[in-house]
Amino acid sequence: MEISRNTWDVQEVFNWGYRVRYNLKVKYWDTTYIATVKRNHPGSDWEKNFPDDHGVWRVYWDIWVPGDIVVHYIDEFTGRIISVG
């Protein structure tokens, strides 16, 4: 979650200060779920960028004030953001 929190797009929102309101959802996508997503979305970033042999973390920021949604998919092994939604 800290990897996502420290990105420019999320930091920009938190620079608003005390008025920021948000909902954070973090889910783990295992290899079975990733295979299903890839099968249902051929040619997508998910198919191209997501690993076949391990999972990813989906970090979803629903930021009410000032109003934004940021989604990061983070490789569980490398800790790198592999896709932004």
C-alpha atoms as a PDB file:
ATOM      1  CA  MET A   1       0.000   0.000   0.000  1.00  0.00           C
ATOM      2  CA  GLU A   2       2.860   2.400   0.722  1.00  0.00           C
ATOM      3  CA  ILE A   3       4.125   1.967  -2.842  1.00  0.00           C
ATOM      4  CA  SER A   4       0.779   3.232  -4.109  1.00  0.00           C
ATOM      5  CA  ARG A   5       0.507   5.952  -1.438  1.00  0.00           C
ATOM      6  CA  ASN A   6       3.859   7.418  -2.452  1.00  0.00           C
ATOM      7  CA  THR A   7       3.017   7.859  -6.146  1.00  0.00           C
ATOM      8  CA  TRP A   8       2.620  11.317  -7.631  1.00  0.00           C
ATOM      9  CA  ASP A   9      -1.108  10.967  -8.376  1.00  0.00           C
ATOM     10  CA  VAL A  10      -2.012   9.965  -4.811  1.00  0.00           C
ATOM     11  CA  GLN A  11       0.423  12.428  -3.213  1.00  0.00           C
ATOM     12  CA  GLU A  12      -1.086  15.256  -5.257  1.00  0.00           C
ATOM     13  CA  VAL A  13      -4.485  14.564  -3.701  1.00  0.00           C
ATOM     14  CA  PHE A  14      -3.099  14.337  -0.178  1.00  0.00           C
ATOM     15  CA  ASN A  15      -1.439  17.717  -0.608  1.00  0.00           C
ATOM     16  CA  TRP A  16      -4.940  19.160  -0.183  1.00  0.00           C
ATOM     17  CA  GLY A  17      -4.409  18.632   3.545  1.00  0.00           C
ATOM     18  CA  TYR A  18      -7.052  17.981   6.169  1.00  0.00           C
ATOM     19  CA  ARG A  19     -10.019  18.125   3.758  1.00  0.00           C
ATOM     20  CA  VAL A  20      -9.116  14.902   1.937  1.00  0.00           C
ATOM     21  CA  ARG A  21     -11.670  12.121   2.409  1.00  0.00           C
ATOM     22  CA  TYR A  22     -11.129   8.719   0.859  1.00  0.00           C
ATOM     23  CA  ASN A  23     -11.957   5.034   0.922  1.00  0.00           C
ATOM     24  CA  LEU A  24      -9.114   2.556   0.368  1.00  0.00           C
ATOM     25  CA  LYS A  25      -9.657  -1.012  -0.800  1.00  0.00           C
ATOM     26  CA  VAL A  26      -6.810  -3.492  -1.184  1.00  0.00           C
ATOM     27  CA  LYS A  27      -7.347  -6.930  -2.725  1.00  0.00           C
ATOM     28  CA  TYR A  28      -4.997  -9.742  -3.614  1.00  0.00           C
ATOM     29  CA  TRP A  29      -5.416 -11.297  -7.064  1.00  0.00           C
ATOM     30  CA  ASP A  30      -3.989 -14.830  -7.159  1.00  0.00           C
ATOM     31  CA  THR A  31      -2.887 -16.668 -10.317  1.00  0.00           C
ATOM     32  CA  THR A  32      -6.303 -18.283 -10.811  1.00  0.00           C
ATOM     33  CA  TYR A  33      -8.083 -14.940 -10.714  1.00  0.00           C
ATOM     34  CA  ILE A  34      -5.485 -13.331 -13.001  1.00  0.00           C
ATOM     35  CA  ALA A  35      -5.927 -16.152 -15.539  1.00  0.00           C
ATOM     36  CA  THR A  36      -9.684 -15.502 -15.548  1.00  0.00           C
ATOM     37  CA  VAL A  37      -9.194 -11.762 -16.032  1.00  0.00           C
ATOM     38  CA  LYS A  38      -6.741 -12.354 -18.881  1.00  0.00           C
ATOM     39  CA  ARG A  39      -9.126 -14.789 -20.569  1.00  0.00           C
ATOM     40  CA  ASN A  40     -12.024 -12.325 -20.308  1.00  0.00           C
ATOM     41  CA  HIS A  41      -9.996  -9.313 -21.520  1.00  0.00           C
ATOM     42  CA  PRO A  42      -7.741 -10.439 -24.379  1.00  0.00           C
ATOM     43  CA  GLY A  43      -5.306  -7.808 -25.620  1.00  0.00           C
ATOM     44  CA  SER A  44      -5.652  -5.705 -22.468  1.00  0.00           C
ATOM     45  CA  ASP A  45      -2.872  -4.391 -20.206  1.00  0.00           C
ATOM     46  CA  TRP A  46      -3.864  -7.148 -17.812  1.00  0.00           C
ATOM     47  CA  GLU A  47      -3.048  -9.792 -20.390  1.00  0.00           C
ATOM     48  CA  LYS A  48       0.226  -8.133 -21.383  1.00  0.00           C
ATOM     49  CA  ASN A  49       1.588  -6.995 -18.002  1.00  0.00           C
ATOM     50  CA  PHE A  50       0.283  -9.350 -15.341  1.00  0.00           C
ATOM     51  CA  PRO A  51       2.377 -12.352 -14.264  1.00  0.00           C
ATOM     52  CA  ASP A  52       1.313 -15.956 -14.840  1.00  0.00           C
ATOM     53  CA  ASP A  53       3.229 -17.479 -11.935  1.00  0.00           C
ATOM     54  CA  HIS A  54       2.366 -15.199  -8.988  1.00  0.00           C
ATOM     55  CA  GLY A  55      -0.174 -12.654  -7.826  1.00  0.00           C
ATOM     56  CA  VAL A  56      -0.679  -8.920  -7.732  1.00  0.00           C
ATOM     57  CA  TRP A  57      -2.142  -6.489  -5.242  1.00  0.00           C
ATOM     58  CA  ARG A  58      -4.961  -4.214  -6.428  1.00  0.00           C
ATOM     59  CA  VAL A  59      -4.925  -0.918  -4.507  1.00  0.00           C
ATOM     60  CA  TYR A  60      -8.059   1.171  -5.109  1.00  0.00           C
ATOM     61  CA  TRP A  61      -8.284   4.767  -3.865  1.00  0.00           C
ATOM     62  CA  ASP A  62     -11.782   6.264  -4.025  1.00  0.00           C
ATOM     63  CA  ILE A  63     -11.049   9.860  -3.090  1.00  0.00           C
ATOM     64  CA  TRP A  64     -14.243  11.788  -2.329  1.00  0.00           C
ATOM     65  CA  VAL A  65     -12.705  15.205  -1.797  1.00  0.00           C
ATOM     66  CA  PRO A  66     -11.433  16.552  -4.159  1.00  0.00           C
ATOM     67  CA  GLY A  67     -12.923  13.710  -6.274  1.00  0.00           C
ATOM     68  CA  ASP A  68     -10.702  11.153  -7.973  1.00  0.00           C
ATOM     69  CA  ILE A  69     -10.193   7.425  -8.375  1.00  0.00           C
ATOM     70  CA  VAL A  70      -6.719   5.912  -8.526  1.00  0.00           C
ATOM     71  CA  VAL A  71      -6.112   2.186  -9.029  1.00  0.00           C
ATOM     72  CA  HIS A  72      -2.658   0.598  -8.901  1.00  0.00           C
ATOM     73  CA  TYR A  73      -1.782  -3.033  -9.581  1.00  0.00           C
ATOM     74  CA  ILE A  74       1.400  -4.006  -7.764  1.00  0.00           C
ATOM     75  CA  ASP A  75       3.495  -7.098  -8.511  1.00  0.00           C
ATOM     76  CA  GLU A  76       3.724  -9.130  -5.307  1.00  0.00           C
ATOM     77  CA  PHE A  77       7.347 -10.177  -5.920  1.00  0.00           C
ATOM     78  CA  THR A  78       8.953  -7.007  -7.238  1.00  0.00           C
ATOM     79  CA  GLY A  79       6.783  -4.430  -5.472  1.00  0.00           C
ATOM     80  CA  ARG A  80       6.559  -2.433  -8.699  1.00  0.00           C
ATOM     81  CA  ILE A  81       3.387  -0.916 -10.081  1.00  0.00           C
ATOM     82  CA  ILE A  82       2.702  -2.923 -13.240  1.00  0.00           C
ATOM     83  CA  SER A  83      -0.510  -1.224 -14.297  1.00  0.00           C
ATOM     84  CA  VAL A  84      -2.557   1.843 -13.438  1.00  0.00           C
ATOM     85  CA  GLY A  85      -6.302   1.895 -13.882  1.00  0.00           C
END
